[in-house]
Amino acid sequence: MKFIKTFSLRNLDGAADKALARFAQTRAEPPKGVTLLGRWYCADMSMGFELLESDDVTALNEFAARWLDVFEMSIVPVVEDAELVEVMGRLRN
């Protein structure tokens, strides 16, 4: 299953420095069971987005927990156009 993770820096003293240091050290690689398909940042650097793939909610929890001290985030399941069209087609029959 695919998920979109959105994240933005918490408004705390030192959060940006802490996040940058951790990213430089870890490259924010996800744990086993989570595949990072892409990562994007807003032009103003106010927030970012990741496309993740996983069948392991616990691994997604672990990935989020590593960054909760510096980022506010949400992780929501998403489907692609073809999947949505298939579902909508089944509902019409």
N, C-alpha and C. Protein backbone atom coordinates (compact mmCIF):
# COMPACT_ATOMS: atom_id res chain seq x y z
N MET A 1 0.84 -1.17 0.00
CA MET A 1 0.00 0.00 0.00
C MET A 1 0.90 1.24 0.00
N LYS A 2 0.41 2.29 -0.66
CA LYS A 2 1.17 3.53 -0.72
C LYS A 2 0.61 4.55 0.26
N PHE A 3 1.51 5.39 0.76
CA PHE A 3 1.16 6.42 1.74
C PHE A 3 1.86 7.72 1.38
N ILE A 4 1.19 8.83 1.65
CA ILE A 4 1.83 10.15 1.56
C ILE A 4 2.10 10.60 2.98
N LYS A 5 3.34 10.95 3.25
CA LYS A 5 3.71 11.53 4.54
C LYS A 5 4.00 13.00 4.31
N THR A 6 3.32 13.86 5.04
CA THR A 6 3.63 15.29 5.00
C THR A 6 4.33 15.64 6.32
N PHE A 7 5.27 16.56 6.24
CA PHE A 7 5.99 16.94 7.45
C PHE A 7 6.39 18.40 7.40
N SER A 8 6.39 19.02 8.57
CA SER A 8 6.84 20.41 8.71
C SER A 8 7.55 20.54 10.05
N LEU A 9 8.52 21.43 10.10
CA LEU A 9 9.29 21.62 11.33
C LEU A 9 8.42 22.11 12.47
N ARG A 10 8.65 21.55 13.63
CA ARG A 10 7.98 22.05 14.83
C ARG A 10 8.54 23.43 15.15
N ASN A 11 7.75 24.27 15.73
CA ASN A 11 8.17 25.61 16.10
C ASN A 11 8.87 25.57 17.46
N LEU A 12 10.02 24.93 17.50
CA LEU A 12 10.79 24.80 18.73
C LEU A 12 12.21 25.28 18.49
N ASP A 13 12.80 25.90 19.49
CA ASP A 13 14.19 26.33 19.37
C ASP A 13 15.07 25.12 19.08
N GLY A 14 15.89 25.24 18.08
CA GLY A 14 16.85 24.19 17.75
C GLY A 14 16.31 23.06 16.90
N ALA A 15 15.02 23.07 16.57
CA ALA A 15 14.45 21.97 15.79
C ALA A 15 15.09 21.86 14.41
N ALA A 16 15.31 22.98 13.74
CA ALA A 16 15.91 22.95 12.40
C ALA A 16 17.32 22.39 12.45
N ASP A 17 18.14 22.85 13.40
CA ASP A 17 19.51 22.35 13.52
C ASP A 17 19.53 20.86 13.83
N LYS A 18 18.65 20.44 14.72
CA LYS A 18 18.57 19.03 15.09
C LYS A 18 18.14 18.17 13.89
N ALA A 19 17.15 18.64 13.14
CA ALA A 19 16.67 17.90 11.98
C ALA A 19 17.75 17.81 10.90
N LEU A 20 18.44 18.91 10.64
CA LEU A 20 19.50 18.89 9.62
C LEU A 20 20.64 17.96 10.01
N ALA A 21 21.03 17.98 11.26
CA ALA A 21 22.11 17.10 11.73
C ALA A 21 21.71 15.63 11.60
N ARG A 22 20.47 15.32 11.98
CA ARG A 22 20.00 13.94 11.90
C ARG A 22 19.89 13.49 10.44
N PHE A 23 19.40 14.39 9.57
CA PHE A 23 19.30 14.04 8.15
C PHE A 23 20.69 13.80 7.56
N ALA A 24 21.64 14.64 7.90
CA ALA A 24 23.00 14.46 7.39
C ALA A 24 23.59 13.12 7.82
N GLN A 25 23.23 12.69 9.01
CA GLN A 25 23.76 11.44 9.54
C GLN A 25 23.04 10.21 8.98
N THR A 26 21.71 10.29 8.84
CA THR A 26 20.92 9.11 8.48
C THR A 26 20.36 9.12 7.07
N ARG A 27 20.34 10.29 6.42
CA ARG A 27 19.69 10.49 5.13
C ARG A 27 18.20 10.17 5.21
N ALA A 28 17.69 10.07 6.43
CA ALA A 28 16.27 9.79 6.69
C ALA A 28 15.80 8.52 5.98
N GLU A 29 16.66 7.53 5.98
CA GLU A 29 16.29 6.26 5.37
C GLU A 29 15.23 5.57 6.21
N PRO A 30 14.21 5.02 5.57
CA PRO A 30 13.16 4.34 6.32
C PRO A 30 13.63 2.99 6.86
N PRO A 31 12.92 2.47 7.86
CA PRO A 31 13.27 1.16 8.40
C PRO A 31 12.89 0.03 7.45
N LYS A 32 13.34 -1.16 7.74
CA LYS A 32 12.97 -2.33 6.96
C LYS A 32 11.45 -2.45 6.96
N GLY A 33 10.90 -2.72 5.81
CA GLY A 33 9.45 -2.84 5.68
C GLY A 33 8.80 -1.60 5.10
N VAL A 34 9.58 -0.52 4.93
CA VAL A 34 9.06 0.72 4.33
C VAL A 34 9.99 1.10 3.17
N THR A 35 9.40 1.33 2.01
CA THR A 35 10.17 1.76 0.85
C THR A 35 9.87 3.22 0.56
N LEU A 36 10.92 4.03 0.47
CA LEU A 36 10.78 5.44 0.11
C LEU A 36 10.77 5.54 -1.41
N LEU A 37 9.64 5.97 -1.98
CA LEU A 37 9.51 6.10 -3.43
C LEU A 37 9.89 7.48 -3.94
N GLY A 38 9.85 8.48 -3.07
CA GLY A 38 10.22 9.83 -3.46
C GLY A 38 10.04 10.79 -2.31
N ARG A 39 10.79 11.89 -2.37
CA ARG A 39 10.71 12.92 -1.33
C ARG A 39 10.80 14.28 -2.02
N TRP A 40 9.90 15.19 -1.65
CA TRP A 40 9.85 16.52 -2.24
C TRP A 40 9.69 17.55 -1.14
N TYR A 41 10.16 18.77 -1.42
CA TYR A 41 10.07 19.88 -0.48
C TYR A 41 9.41 21.06 -1.15
N CYS A 42 8.61 21.82 -0.39
CA CYS A 42 8.03 23.05 -0.92
C CYS A 42 9.15 24.04 -1.22
N ALA A 43 8.92 24.91 -2.17
CA ALA A 43 9.94 25.88 -2.56
C ALA A 43 10.37 26.76 -1.40
N ASP A 44 9.45 27.05 -0.48
CA ASP A 44 9.80 27.90 0.66
C ASP A 44 10.34 27.10 1.85
N MET A 45 10.51 25.79 1.66
CA MET A 45 11.06 24.88 2.68
C MET A 45 10.17 24.78 3.93
N SER A 46 8.90 25.18 3.82
CA SER A 46 8.01 25.14 4.98
C SER A 46 7.51 23.73 5.29
N MET A 47 7.51 22.88 4.28
CA MET A 47 7.06 21.51 4.50
C MET A 47 7.58 20.61 3.40
N GLY A 48 7.42 19.31 3.62
CA GLY A 48 7.85 18.34 2.64
C GLY A 48 6.86 17.19 2.54
N PHE A 49 7.08 16.36 1.53
CA PHE A 49 6.21 15.23 1.25
C PHE A 49 7.06 14.02 0.92
N GLU A 50 6.61 12.86 1.34
CA GLU A 50 7.26 11.61 0.97
C GLU A 50 6.20 10.65 0.46
N LEU A 51 6.54 9.91 -0.59
CA LEU A 51 5.69 8.83 -1.06
C LEU A 51 6.34 7.55 -0.55
N LEU A 52 5.61 6.81 0.27
CA LEU A 52 6.12 5.60 0.91
C LEU A 52 5.27 4.41 0.47
N GLU A 53 5.89 3.23 0.53
CA GLU A 53 5.15 2.01 0.27
C GLU A 53 5.44 1.03 1.39
N SER A 54 4.38 0.43 1.93
CA SER A 54 4.56 -0.52 3.03
C SER A 54 3.28 -1.29 3.27
N ASP A 55 3.44 -2.52 3.75
CA ASP A 55 2.33 -3.31 4.25
C ASP A 55 2.44 -3.48 5.75
N ASP A 56 3.37 -2.73 6.36
CA ASP A 56 3.68 -2.88 7.78
C ASP A 56 3.45 -1.56 8.51
N VAL A 57 2.30 -1.43 9.15
CA VAL A 57 1.97 -0.19 9.85
C VAL A 57 2.95 0.07 10.99
N THR A 58 3.43 -0.98 11.64
CA THR A 58 4.39 -0.81 12.73
C THR A 58 5.68 -0.17 12.22
N ALA A 59 6.13 -0.56 11.03
CA ALA A 59 7.33 0.04 10.45
C ALA A 59 7.09 1.52 10.12
N LEU A 60 5.89 1.85 9.67
CA LEU A 60 5.55 3.27 9.43
C LEU A 60 5.56 4.05 10.74
N ASN A 61 5.03 3.44 11.81
CA ASN A 61 5.07 4.07 13.13
C ASN A 61 6.50 4.33 13.56
N GLU A 62 7.36 3.36 13.34
CA GLU A 62 8.78 3.51 13.72
C GLU A 62 9.42 4.67 12.96
N PHE A 63 9.16 4.73 11.66
CA PHE A 63 9.72 5.78 10.84
C PHE A 63 9.27 7.15 11.34
N ALA A 64 7.99 7.29 11.64
CA ALA A 64 7.46 8.56 12.15
C ALA A 64 8.05 8.89 13.51
N ALA A 65 8.13 7.91 14.39
CA ALA A 65 8.61 8.14 15.76
C ALA A 65 10.04 8.67 15.80
N ARG A 66 10.84 8.32 14.81
CA ARG A 66 12.23 8.80 14.76
C ARG A 66 12.32 10.31 14.61
N TRP A 67 11.24 10.94 14.12
CA TRP A 67 11.28 12.36 13.78
C TRP A 67 10.25 13.22 14.51
N LEU A 68 9.45 12.62 15.35
CA LEU A 68 8.37 13.39 16.01
C LEU A 68 8.86 14.52 16.90
N ASP A 69 10.10 14.43 17.36
CA ASP A 69 10.60 15.51 18.22
C ASP A 69 10.89 16.79 17.44
N VAL A 70 11.06 16.68 16.12
CA VAL A 70 11.39 17.87 15.33
C VAL A 70 10.36 18.20 14.24
N PHE A 71 9.52 17.23 13.87
CA PHE A 71 8.53 17.46 12.82
C PHE A 71 7.11 17.15 13.29
N GLU A 72 6.17 17.95 12.80
CA GLU A 72 4.77 17.58 12.85
C GLU A 72 4.52 16.85 11.54
N MET A 73 3.73 15.76 11.59
CA MET A 73 3.54 15.00 10.37
C MET A 73 2.21 14.28 10.36
N SER A 74 1.86 13.87 9.16
CA SER A 74 0.73 12.97 8.97
C SER A 74 1.11 11.95 7.91
N ILE A 75 0.55 10.76 8.05
CA ILE A 75 0.78 9.70 7.07
C ILE A 75 -0.60 9.16 6.70
N VAL A 76 -0.95 9.28 5.40
CA VAL A 76 -2.27 8.85 4.95
C VAL A 76 -2.14 7.89 3.77
N PRO A 77 -3.00 6.86 3.73
CA PRO A 77 -2.98 5.94 2.59
C PRO A 77 -3.51 6.64 1.34
N VAL A 78 -2.96 6.28 0.19
CA VAL A 78 -3.38 6.86 -1.08
C VAL A 78 -3.49 5.76 -2.13
N VAL A 79 -4.28 6.03 -3.17
CA VAL A 79 -4.39 5.12 -4.31
C VAL A 79 -4.11 5.90 -5.59
N GLU A 80 -3.67 5.19 -6.61
CA GLU A 80 -3.39 5.80 -7.91
C GLU A 80 -4.66 5.85 -8.74
N ASP A 81 -4.62 6.61 -9.83
CA ASP A 81 -5.78 6.78 -10.69
C ASP A 81 -6.39 5.44 -11.10
N ALA A 82 -5.57 4.53 -11.60
CA ALA A 82 -6.08 3.25 -12.11
C ALA A 82 -6.82 2.48 -11.02
N GLU A 83 -6.30 2.51 -9.80
CA GLU A 83 -6.96 1.81 -8.69
C GLU A 83 -8.31 2.46 -8.38
N LEU A 84 -8.36 3.77 -8.38
CA LEU A 84 -9.60 4.48 -8.10
C LEU A 84 -10.63 4.23 -9.19
N VAL A 85 -10.21 4.24 -10.45
CA VAL A 85 -11.12 3.98 -11.56
C VAL A 85 -11.72 2.58 -11.42
N GLU A 86 -10.89 1.61 -11.03
CA GLU A 86 -11.37 0.23 -10.84
C GLU A 86 -12.44 0.18 -9.75
N VAL A 87 -12.19 0.84 -8.64
CA VAL A 87 -13.16 0.86 -7.54
C VAL A 87 -14.45 1.54 -7.97
N MET A 88 -14.33 2.67 -8.63
CA MET A 88 -15.53 3.40 -9.06
C MET A 88 -16.32 2.58 -10.06
N GLY A 89 -15.63 1.85 -10.92
CA GLY A 89 -16.31 0.98 -11.88
C GLY A 89 -17.09 -0.11 -11.20
N ARG A 90 -16.53 -0.69 -10.16
CA ARG A 90 -17.24 -1.75 -9.40
C ARG A 90 -18.47 -1.18 -8.71
N LEU A 91 -18.38 0.05 -8.23
CA LEU A 91 -19.51 0.65 -7.53
C LEU A 91 -20.67 0.97 -8.46
N ARG A 92 -20.39 1.21 -9.71
CA ARG A 92 -21.43 1.56 -10.67
C ARG A 92 -22.19 0.34 -11.16
N ASN A 93 -21.65 -0.83 -10.96
CA ASN A 93 -22.32 -2.07 -11.44
C ASN A 93 -23.24 -2.64 -10.41
